[in-house]
Amino acid sequence: MQLPPDPETERKRIQRGRNRALGLILVGLVVLFYLITIAKMR
């Protein structure tokens, strides 16, 4: 039988996933703005 997950560990795991998602979104936006800037200069 499995023990129920520790609430603190579970919360940290969820936060880590959320932070990773937010980081990816930020990187994506930076790349998008960079590409738009390059396209406007041409």
N, C-alpha and C. Protein backbone atom coordinates (compact mmCIF):
# COMPACT_ATOMS: atom_id res chain seq x y z
N MET A 1 0.84 -1.20 0.00
CA MET A 1 0.00 0.00 0.00
C MET A 1 0.88 1.25 0.00
N GLN A 2 0.47 2.25 -0.77
CA GLN A 2 1.26 3.47 -0.89
C GLN A 2 0.81 4.50 0.14
N LEU A 3 1.78 5.21 0.68
CA LEU A 3 1.47 6.30 1.61
C LEU A 3 0.95 7.49 0.81
N PRO A 4 0.03 8.26 1.38
CA PRO A 4 -0.42 9.47 0.67
C PRO A 4 0.75 10.45 0.53
N PRO A 5 0.82 11.18 -0.59
CA PRO A 5 1.96 12.10 -0.78
C PRO A 5 1.97 13.20 0.28
N ASP A 6 3.18 13.56 0.68
CA ASP A 6 3.35 14.65 1.65
C ASP A 6 2.84 15.95 1.01
N PRO A 7 1.95 16.67 1.68
CA PRO A 7 1.38 17.89 1.07
C PRO A 7 2.46 18.91 0.68
N GLU A 8 3.49 19.03 1.50
CA GLU A 8 4.57 19.99 1.21
C GLU A 8 5.32 19.58 -0.07
N THR A 9 5.64 18.30 -0.19
CA THR A 9 6.33 17.80 -1.38
C THR A 9 5.45 17.99 -2.62
N GLU A 10 4.17 17.70 -2.46
CA GLU A 10 3.23 17.83 -3.58
C GLU A 10 3.15 19.30 -4.03
N ARG A 11 3.09 20.21 -3.06
CA ARG A 11 3.00 21.64 -3.37
C ARG A 11 4.25 22.11 -4.11
N LYS A 12 5.41 21.65 -3.65
CA LYS A 12 6.66 22.03 -4.32
C LYS A 12 6.71 21.49 -5.74
N ARG A 13 6.21 20.26 -5.94
CA ARG A 13 6.21 19.67 -7.28
C ARG A 13 5.32 20.48 -8.22
N ILE A 14 4.16 20.89 -7.73
CA ILE A 14 3.23 21.68 -8.53
C ILE A 14 3.85 23.04 -8.87
N GLN A 15 4.47 23.67 -7.86
CA GLN A 15 5.11 24.97 -8.09
C GLN A 15 6.23 24.87 -9.10
N ARG A 16 7.01 23.78 -9.02
CA ARG A 16 8.12 23.60 -9.95
C ARG A 16 7.58 23.50 -11.38
N GLY A 17 6.51 22.76 -11.57
CA GLY A 17 5.90 22.64 -12.90
C GLY A 17 5.38 23.97 -13.40
N ARG A 18 4.76 24.73 -12.50
CA ARG A 18 4.21 26.04 -12.88
C ARG A 18 5.35 27.00 -13.25
N ASN A 19 6.43 26.97 -12.46
CA ASN A 19 7.57 27.83 -12.75
C ASN A 19 8.18 27.49 -14.10
N ARG A 20 8.28 26.20 -14.39
CA ARG A 20 8.85 25.77 -15.68
C ARG A 20 7.97 26.27 -16.82
N ALA A 21 6.65 26.15 -16.67
CA ALA A 21 5.72 26.61 -17.70
C ALA A 21 5.85 28.12 -17.92
N LEU A 22 5.91 28.88 -16.82
CA LEU A 22 6.03 30.33 -16.93
C LEU A 22 7.35 30.71 -17.59
N GLY A 23 8.41 30.00 -17.26
CA GLY A 23 9.71 30.26 -17.87
C GLY A 23 9.67 30.04 -19.37
N LEU A 24 9.03 28.95 -19.79
CA LEU A 24 8.92 28.65 -21.22
C LEU A 24 8.11 29.73 -21.94
N ILE A 25 7.04 30.18 -21.30
CA ILE A 25 6.21 31.23 -21.91
C ILE A 25 7.03 32.51 -22.07
N LEU A 26 7.79 32.88 -21.04
CA LEU A 26 8.62 34.08 -21.11
C LEU A 26 9.66 33.98 -22.22
N VAL A 27 10.33 32.84 -22.31
CA VAL A 27 11.32 32.63 -23.36
C VAL A 27 10.65 32.74 -24.73
N GLY A 28 9.47 32.14 -24.86
CA GLY A 28 8.74 32.20 -26.12
C GLY A 28 8.39 33.64 -26.51
N LEU A 29 7.97 34.44 -25.54
CA LEU A 29 7.64 35.84 -25.82
C LEU A 29 8.87 36.63 -26.24
N VAL A 30 9.98 36.39 -25.55
CA VAL A 30 11.23 37.08 -25.90
C VAL A 30 11.62 36.76 -27.34
N VAL A 31 11.56 35.47 -27.70
CA VAL A 31 11.90 35.06 -29.07
C VAL A 31 10.94 35.71 -30.06
N LEU A 32 9.65 35.73 -29.72
CA LEU A 32 8.66 36.33 -30.60
C LEU A 32 8.94 37.81 -30.85
N PHE A 33 9.20 38.57 -29.77
CA PHE A 33 9.50 40.00 -29.92
C PHE A 33 10.78 40.20 -30.72
N TYR A 34 11.77 39.34 -30.50
CA TYR A 34 13.03 39.43 -31.23
C TYR A 34 12.78 39.25 -32.73
N LEU A 35 12.00 38.22 -33.07
CA LEU A 35 11.73 37.96 -34.48
C LEU A 35 10.92 39.09 -35.12
N ILE A 36 9.96 39.64 -34.37
CA ILE A 36 9.15 40.75 -34.90
C ILE A 36 10.05 41.96 -35.16
N THR A 37 10.97 42.23 -34.23
CA THR A 37 11.90 43.35 -34.39
C THR A 37 12.76 43.17 -35.62
N ILE A 38 13.30 41.98 -35.80
CA ILE A 38 14.13 41.68 -36.97
C ILE A 38 13.32 41.86 -38.26
N ALA A 39 12.08 41.37 -38.26
CA ALA A 39 11.22 41.47 -39.45
C ALA A 39 10.91 42.92 -39.78
N LYS A 40 10.70 43.77 -38.76
CA LYS A 40 10.37 45.18 -39.01
C LYS A 40 11.56 45.95 -39.56
N MET A 41 12.78 45.55 -39.21
CA MET A 41 13.98 46.26 -39.68
C MET A 41 14.23 46.03 -41.17
N ARG A 42 13.74 44.92 -41.70
CA ARG A 42 13.99 44.61 -43.12
C ARG A 42 13.09 45.42 -44.03
